[in-house]
Amino acid sequence: MSVAFLVTTLVVVATPGAGALFTIGAGLGRGRRASLVAAVGCTIGIVPHLVAAVTGLAALLNASALAFQAVKYAGVAYLLFLAWRTWRETGALGVDDASADRSAWRTIRSAVLVNVLNPKLTIFFVAFLPQFVHPDEPNALWHMLGLSGVFMLATLVIFAIYGMFAASMRTRVLQRPRVLQWLRRSFAGSYVLLAGRLAVSER
């Protein structure tokens, strides 16, 4: 495993995006457990991109403008939905303490969708990973799976750190309704910005 791969992976994962934003929101709204659940969900959301890369579907997505646009605009629509839902929420960022289990599953489902509907992840797996895997080597598949595992582990750890830090600030935030309202609107605006950036992105 090269240093270049590790450095690039850390930069890609640590750069704030929809998944990191979602995890931070979960930490602020529902505490440490929810932030860890969100981090796990975002990590699971990488699996379909990995499968696509291994089976060649990612190459098809990269080659087909129609397929790329379909996934891209599905992602845009979901980010706009998250923005709308966040803007309309009341209370502690949508907390429902009476249904913690259902909330956990809802968090995982939403987190998975955040990353599944991100065509840039698929492009990352089809354009970046192959640079570190020689197709002629006997264990090319296992090498690619290993590198993908490192990427997923980095996602889990870094997102968990983001979420835990947000959860540590939760009490201070919840005690200030104006701050809570400002955060909610900031999160909604950030989802809109991410949707706009995704909408104008090219392969």
C-alpha atoms as a PDB file:
ATOM      1  CA  MET A   1       0.000   0.000   0.000  1.00  0.00           C
ATOM      2  CA  SER A   2       1.508   3.319  -1.088  1.00  0.00           C
ATOM      3  CA  VAL A   3       1.745   6.526   0.897  1.00  0.00           C
ATOM      4  CA  ALA A   4       0.102   8.326  -2.029  1.00  0.00           C
ATOM      5  CA  PHE A   5      -2.986   6.153  -1.694  1.00  0.00           C
ATOM      6  CA  LEU A   6      -3.248   6.740   2.043  1.00  0.00           C
ATOM      7  CA  VAL A   7      -2.772  10.505   1.741  1.00  0.00           C
ATOM      8  CA  THR A   8      -5.300  10.830  -1.079  1.00  0.00           C
ATOM      9  CA  THR A   9      -7.795   8.649   0.763  1.00  0.00           C
ATOM     10  CA  LEU A  10      -7.518  10.772   3.898  1.00  0.00           C
ATOM     11  CA  VAL A  11      -7.950  13.961   1.886  1.00  0.00           C
ATOM     12  CA  VAL A  12     -10.994  12.612   0.038  1.00  0.00           C
ATOM     13  CA  VAL A  13     -12.651  11.251   3.176  1.00  0.00           C
ATOM     14  CA  ALA A  14     -11.830  14.189   5.450  1.00  0.00           C
ATOM     15  CA  THR A  15     -13.084  16.808   2.994  1.00  0.00           C
ATOM     16  CA  PRO A  16     -16.571  17.734   4.270  1.00  0.00           C
ATOM     17  CA  GLY A  17     -19.340  16.422   2.050  1.00  0.00           C
ATOM     18  CA  ALA A  18     -22.893  15.159   2.339  1.00  0.00           C
ATOM     19  CA  GLY A  19     -21.898  12.106   4.412  1.00  0.00           C
ATOM     20  CA  ALA A  20     -19.821  14.086   6.886  1.00  0.00           C
ATOM     21  CA  LEU A  21     -22.541  16.718   7.156  1.00  0.00           C
ATOM     22  CA  PHE A  22     -25.168  14.052   7.796  1.00  0.00           C
ATOM     23  CA  THR A  23     -23.025  12.438  10.507  1.00  0.00           C
ATOM     24  CA  ILE A  24     -22.374  15.771  12.218  1.00  0.00           C
ATOM     25  CA  GLY A  25     -26.099  16.517  12.166  1.00  0.00           C
ATOM     26  CA  ALA A  26     -26.832  13.143  13.746  1.00  0.00           C
ATOM     27  CA  GLY A  27     -24.314  13.843  16.505  1.00  0.00           C
ATOM     28  CA  LEU A  28     -25.775  17.264  17.257  1.00  0.00           C
ATOM     29  CA  GLY A  29     -29.351  16.065  17.080  1.00  0.00           C
ATOM     30  CA  ARG A  30     -29.260  12.655  18.754  1.00  0.00           C
ATOM     31  CA  GLY A  31     -25.909  12.306  20.473  1.00  0.00           C
ATOM     32  CA  ARG A  32     -22.956   9.921  20.264  1.00  0.00           C
ATOM     33  CA  ARG A  33     -24.852   6.731  19.488  1.00  0.00           C
ATOM     34  CA  ALA A  34     -26.640   8.335  16.542  1.00  0.00           C
ATOM     35  CA  SER A  35     -23.389   9.790  15.213  1.00  0.00           C
ATOM     36  CA  LEU A  36     -21.765   6.345  15.245  1.00  0.00           C
ATOM     37  CA  VAL A  37     -24.836   4.843  13.570  1.00  0.00           C
ATOM     38  CA  ALA A  38     -24.634   7.527  10.881  1.00  0.00           C
ATOM     39  CA  ALA A  39     -20.914   6.855  10.370  1.00  0.00           C
ATOM     40  CA  VAL A  40     -21.638   3.141   9.958  1.00  0.00           C
ATOM     41  CA  GLY A  41     -24.463   3.897   7.523  1.00  0.00           C
ATOM     42  CA  CYS A  42     -22.257   6.133   5.390  1.00  0.00           C
ATOM     43  CA  THR A  43     -19.604   3.402   5.348  1.00  0.00           C
ATOM     44  CA  ILE A  44     -22.151   0.793   4.267  1.00  0.00           C
ATOM     45  CA  GLY A  45     -23.186   3.177   1.507  1.00  0.00           C
ATOM     46  CA  ILE A  46     -19.747   2.717  -0.047  1.00  0.00           C
ATOM     47  CA  VAL A  47     -20.298  -1.016  -0.604  1.00  0.00           C
ATOM     48  CA  PRO A  48     -22.485  -0.658  -3.730  1.00  0.00           C
ATOM     49  CA  HIS A  49     -19.797   1.515  -5.325  1.00  0.00           C
ATOM     50  CA  LEU A  50     -17.194  -1.120  -4.497  1.00  0.00           C
ATOM     51  CA  VAL A  51     -19.352  -3.853  -5.996  1.00  0.00           C
ATOM     52  CA  ALA A  52     -19.907  -1.732  -9.095  1.00  0.00           C
ATOM     53  CA  ALA A  53     -16.165  -1.211  -9.474  1.00  0.00           C
ATOM     54  CA  VAL A  54     -15.373  -4.911  -9.070  1.00  0.00           C
ATOM     55  CA  THR A  55     -18.087  -6.064 -11.488  1.00  0.00           C
ATOM     56  CA  GLY A  56     -17.394  -3.395 -14.102  1.00  0.00           C
ATOM     57  CA  LEU A  57     -20.625  -1.467 -13.594  1.00  0.00           C
ATOM     58  CA  ALA A  58     -18.635   1.591 -12.558  1.00  0.00           C
ATOM     59  CA  ALA A  59     -16.871   1.603 -15.926  1.00  0.00           C
ATOM     60  CA  LEU A  60     -20.273   1.481 -17.617  1.00  0.00           C
ATOM     61  CA  LEU A  61     -21.461   4.367 -15.467  1.00  0.00           C
ATOM     62  CA  ASN A  62     -18.360   6.329 -16.340  1.00  0.00           C
ATOM     63  CA  ALA A  63     -18.789   5.620 -20.054  1.00  0.00           C
ATOM     64  CA  SER A  64     -22.544   6.210 -20.239  1.00  0.00           C
ATOM     65  CA  ALA A  65     -23.573   9.832 -19.989  1.00  0.00           C
ATOM     66  CA  LEU A  66     -27.205   8.830 -19.452  1.00  0.00           C
ATOM     67  CA  ALA A  67     -26.407   6.477 -16.562  1.00  0.00           C
ATOM     68  CA  PHE A  68     -24.162   9.056 -14.916  1.00  0.00           C
ATOM     69  CA  GLN A  69     -26.784  11.795 -15.260  1.00  0.00           C
ATOM     70  CA  ALA A  70     -29.498   9.517 -13.838  1.00  0.00           C
ATOM     71  CA  VAL A  71     -27.483   8.714 -10.715  1.00  0.00           C
ATOM     72  CA  LYS A  72     -26.293  12.298 -10.400  1.00  0.00           C
ATOM     73  CA  TYR A  73     -29.771  13.822 -10.456  1.00  0.00           C
ATOM     74  CA  ALA A  74     -31.102  11.178  -8.105  1.00  0.00           C
ATOM     75  CA  GLY A  75     -28.393  12.338  -5.706  1.00  0.00           C
ATOM     76  CA  VAL A  76     -29.319  15.979  -6.290  1.00  0.00           C
ATOM     77  CA  ALA A  77     -32.973  15.227  -5.581  1.00  0.00           C
ATOM     78  CA  TYR A  78     -32.139  13.402  -2.354  1.00  0.00           C
ATOM     79  CA  LEU A  79     -29.881  16.212  -1.119  1.00  0.00           C
ATOM     80  CA  LEU A  80     -32.656  18.726  -1.813  1.00  0.00           C
ATOM     81  CA  PHE A  81     -35.062  16.478   0.090  1.00  0.00           C
ATOM     82  CA  LEU A  82     -32.682  16.446   3.057  1.00  0.00           C
ATOM     83  CA  ALA A  83     -32.443  20.234   2.852  1.00  0.00           C
ATOM     84  CA  TRP A  84     -36.222  20.588   2.827  1.00  0.00           C
ATOM     85  CA  ARG A  85     -36.681  18.133   5.707  1.00  0.00           C
ATOM     86  CA  THR A  86     -33.947  19.788   7.788  1.00  0.00           C
ATOM     87  CA  TRP A  87     -35.407  23.262   7.195  1.00  0.00           C
ATOM     88  CA  ARG A  88     -38.878  22.164   8.306  1.00  0.00           C
ATOM     89  CA  GLU A  89     -37.739  20.276  11.421  1.00  0.00           C
ATOM     90  CA  THR A  90     -38.564  21.550  14.856  1.00  0.00           C
ATOM     91  CA  GLY A  91     -37.026  20.666  18.200  1.00  0.00           C
ATOM     92  CA  ALA A  92     -33.594  19.087  18.558  1.00  0.00           C
ATOM     93  CA  LEU A  93     -32.859  18.528  14.878  1.00  0.00           C
ATOM     94  CA  GLY A  94     -35.602  15.982  14.494  1.00  0.00           C
ATOM     95  CA  VAL A  95     -34.940  13.980  17.675  1.00  0.00           C
ATOM     96  CA  ASP A  96     -37.514  11.391  18.678  1.00  0.00           C
ATOM     97  CA  ASP A  97     -36.298   9.865  21.914  1.00  0.00           C
ATOM     98  CA  ALA A  98     -39.402   7.688  22.233  1.00  0.00           C
ATOM     99  CA  SER A  99     -38.474   5.662  19.166  1.00  0.00           C
ATOM    100  CA  ALA A 100     -34.713   5.223  19.409  1.00  0.00           C
ATOM    101  CA  ASP A 101     -34.607   1.910  17.541  1.00  0.00           C
ATOM    102  CA  ARG A 102     -36.704   3.163  14.664  1.00  0.00           C
ATOM    103  CA  SER A 103     -34.635   6.328  14.605  1.00  0.00           C
ATOM    104  CA  ALA A 104     -31.435   4.274  14.361  1.00  0.00           C
ATOM    105  CA  TRP A 105     -32.712   2.329  11.359  1.00  0.00           C
ATOM    106  CA  ARG A 106     -33.943   5.549   9.769  1.00  0.00           C
ATOM    107  CA  THR A 107     -30.512   7.083  10.308  1.00  0.00           C
ATOM    108  CA  ILE A 108     -28.764   4.094   8.707  1.00  0.00           C
ATOM    109  CA  ARG A 109     -31.151   4.132   5.753  1.00  0.00           C
ATOM    110  CA  SER A 110     -30.677   7.849   5.162  1.00  0.00           C
ATOM    111  CA  ALA A 111     -26.896   7.618   5.586  1.00  0.00           C
ATOM    112  CA  VAL A 112     -26.665   4.748   3.114  1.00  0.00           C
ATOM    113  CA  LEU A 113     -28.699   6.691   0.564  1.00  0.00           C
ATOM    114  CA  VAL A 114     -26.473   9.735   1.002  1.00  0.00           C
ATOM    115  CA  ASN A 115     -23.456   7.761  -0.216  1.00  0.00           C
ATOM    116  CA  VAL A 116     -25.202   5.394  -2.616  1.00  0.00           C
ATOM    117  CA  LEU A 117     -26.596   8.367  -4.549  1.00  0.00           C
ATOM    118  CA  ASN A 118     -23.162   9.911  -4.922  1.00  0.00           C
ATOM    119  CA  PRO A 119     -21.817   9.126  -8.403  1.00  0.00           C
ATOM    120  CA  LYS A 120     -18.499  10.697  -7.496  1.00  0.00           C
ATOM    121  CA  LEU A 121     -17.782   7.748  -5.212  1.00  0.00           C
ATOM    122  CA  THR A 122     -18.242   5.356  -8.095  1.00  0.00           C
ATOM    123  CA  ILE A 123     -15.976   7.491 -10.257  1.00  0.00           C
ATOM    124  CA  PHE A 124     -13.460   7.462  -7.423  1.00  0.00           C
ATOM    125  CA  PHE A 125     -13.455   3.672  -7.389  1.00  0.00           C
ATOM    126  CA  VAL A 126     -13.207   3.314 -11.155  1.00  0.00           C
ATOM    127  CA  ALA A 127     -10.712   6.120 -11.804  1.00  0.00           C
ATOM    128  CA  PHE A 128      -8.571   6.268  -8.683  1.00  0.00           C
ATOM    129  CA  LEU A 129      -8.238   2.755  -7.296  1.00  0.00           C
ATOM    130  CA  PRO A 130      -7.078   1.140 -10.571  1.00  0.00           C
ATOM    131  CA  GLN A 131      -4.004   3.369 -10.475  1.00  0.00           C
ATOM    132  CA  PHE A 132      -2.795   1.313  -7.501  1.00  0.00           C
ATOM    133  CA  VAL A 133      -3.806  -2.125  -8.777  1.00  0.00           C
ATOM    134  CA  HIS A 134      -2.036  -3.779 -11.684  1.00  0.00           C
ATOM    135  CA  PRO A 135      -4.564  -5.899 -13.624  1.00  0.00           C
ATOM    136  CA  ASP A 136      -1.893  -8.458 -14.478  1.00  0.00           C
ATOM    137  CA  GLU A 137      -0.954  -9.214 -10.883  1.00  0.00           C
ATOM    138  CA  PRO A 138      -2.281 -12.580  -9.632  1.00  0.00           C
ATOM    139  CA  ASN A 139      -4.153 -11.123  -6.644  1.00  0.00           C
ATOM    140  CA  ALA A 140      -5.494  -7.979  -8.301  1.00  0.00           C
ATOM    141  CA  LEU A 141      -9.035  -8.492  -7.002  1.00  0.00           C
ATOM    142  CA  TRP A 142      -7.919  -9.045  -3.420  1.00  0.00           C
ATOM    143  CA  HIS A 143      -5.583  -6.068  -3.676  1.00  0.00           C
ATOM    144  CA  MET A 144      -8.462  -3.876  -4.803  1.00  0.00           C
ATOM    145  CA  LEU A 145     -10.711  -5.207  -2.042  1.00  0.00           C
ATOM    146  CA  GLY A 146      -7.968  -4.496   0.493  1.00  0.00           C
ATOM    147  CA  LEU A 147      -7.536  -0.909  -0.673  1.00  0.00           C
ATOM    148  CA  SER A 148     -11.305  -0.456  -0.660  1.00  0.00           C
ATOM    149  CA  GLY A 149     -11.388  -1.767   2.903  1.00  0.00           C
ATOM    150  CA  VAL A 150      -8.821   0.850   3.899  1.00  0.00           C
ATOM    151  CA  PHE A 151     -10.977   3.541   2.291  1.00  0.00           C
ATOM    152  CA  MET A 152     -14.052   2.303   4.147  1.00  0.00           C
ATOM    153  CA  LEU A 153     -12.170   2.104   7.447  1.00  0.00           C
ATOM    154  CA  ALA A 154     -10.925   5.656   6.972  1.00  0.00           C
ATOM    155  CA  THR A 155     -14.496   6.765   6.273  1.00  0.00           C
ATOM    156  CA  LEU A 156     -15.809   5.058   9.402  1.00  0.00           C
ATOM    157  CA  VAL A 157     -13.092   6.452  11.683  1.00  0.00           C
ATOM    158  CA  ILE A 158     -13.075  10.016  10.360  1.00  0.00           C
ATOM    159  CA  PHE A 159     -16.856  10.305  10.220  1.00  0.00           C
ATOM    160  CA  ALA A 160     -17.088   8.871  13.744  1.00  0.00           C
ATOM    161  CA  ILE A 161     -14.631  11.534  14.938  1.00  0.00           C
ATOM    162  CA  TYR A 162     -16.717  14.239  13.268  1.00  0.00           C
ATOM    163  CA  GLY A 163     -19.880  12.867  14.827  1.00  0.00           C
ATOM    164  CA  MET A 164     -18.425  12.405  18.305  1.00  0.00           C
ATOM    165  CA  PHE A 165     -17.076  15.937  18.305  1.00  0.00           C
ATOM    166  CA  ALA A 166     -20.499  17.230  17.248  1.00  0.00           C
ATOM    167  CA  ALA A 167     -22.146  15.140  19.969  1.00  0.00           C
ATOM    168  CA  SER A 168     -19.803  16.646  22.569  1.00  0.00           C
ATOM    169  CA  MET A 169     -21.164  20.075  21.633  1.00  0.00           C
ATOM    170  CA  ARG A 170     -24.779  18.898  21.707  1.00  0.00           C
ATOM    171  CA  THR A 171     -25.671  20.123  25.192  1.00  0.00           C
ATOM    172  CA  ARG A 172     -24.390  23.615  24.510  1.00  0.00           C
ATOM    173  CA  VAL A 173     -26.264  23.761  21.241  1.00  0.00           C
ATOM    174  CA  LEU A 174     -29.578  22.478  22.615  1.00  0.00           C
ATOM    175  CA  GLN A 175     -29.485  25.070  25.401  1.00  0.00           C
ATOM    176  CA  ARG A 176     -29.476  27.864  22.828  1.00  0.00           C
ATOM    177  CA  PRO A 177     -32.596  27.810  20.619  1.00  0.00           C
ATOM    178  CA  ARG A 178     -31.259  30.534  18.342  1.00  0.00           C
ATOM    179  CA  VAL A 179     -28.043  28.612  17.755  1.00  0.00           C
ATOM    180  CA  LEU A 180     -30.081  25.477  17.073  1.00  0.00           C
ATOM    181  CA  GLN A 181     -32.215  27.319  14.529  1.00  0.00           C
ATOM    182  CA  TRP A 182     -29.126  28.810  12.892  1.00  0.00           C
ATOM    183  CA  LEU A 183     -27.494  25.372  12.683  1.00  0.00           C
ATOM    184  CA  ARG A 184     -30.609  23.838  11.164  1.00  0.00           C
ATOM    185  CA  ARG A 185     -30.765  26.503   8.490  1.00  0.00           C
ATOM    186  CA  SER A 186     -27.028  26.231   7.878  1.00  0.00           C
ATOM    187  CA  PHE A 187     -27.333  22.474   7.390  1.00  0.00           C
ATOM    188  CA  ALA A 188     -30.248  22.950   5.009  1.00  0.00           C
ATOM    189  CA  GLY A 189     -28.273  25.545   3.067  1.00  0.00           C
ATOM    190  CA  SER A 190     -25.237  23.269   2.957  1.00  0.00           C
ATOM    191  CA  TYR A 191     -27.330  20.443   1.482  1.00  0.00           C
ATOM    192  CA  VAL A 192     -28.585  22.856  -1.190  1.00  0.00           C
ATOM    193  CA  LEU A 193     -25.013  23.926  -1.998  1.00  0.00           C
ATOM    194  CA  LEU A 194     -23.891  20.310  -2.218  1.00  0.00           C
ATOM    195  CA  ALA A 195     -26.830  19.544  -4.504  1.00  0.00           C
ATOM    196  CA  GLY A 196     -25.905  22.481  -6.716  1.00  0.00           C
ATOM    197  CA  ARG A 197     -22.272  21.424  -6.872  1.00  0.00           C
ATOM    198  CA  LEU A 198     -23.299  17.876  -7.772  1.00  0.00           C
ATOM    199  CA  ALA A 199     -25.751  19.130 -10.409  1.00  0.00           C
ATOM    200  CA  VAL A 200     -23.037  20.992 -12.326  1.00  0.00           C
ATOM    201  CA  SER A 201     -20.380  18.317 -11.888  1.00  0.00           C
ATOM    202  CA  GLU A 202     -19.100  16.372 -14.856  1.00  0.00           C
ATOM    203  CA  ARG A 203     -17.600  12.896 -15.084  1.00  0.00           C
END
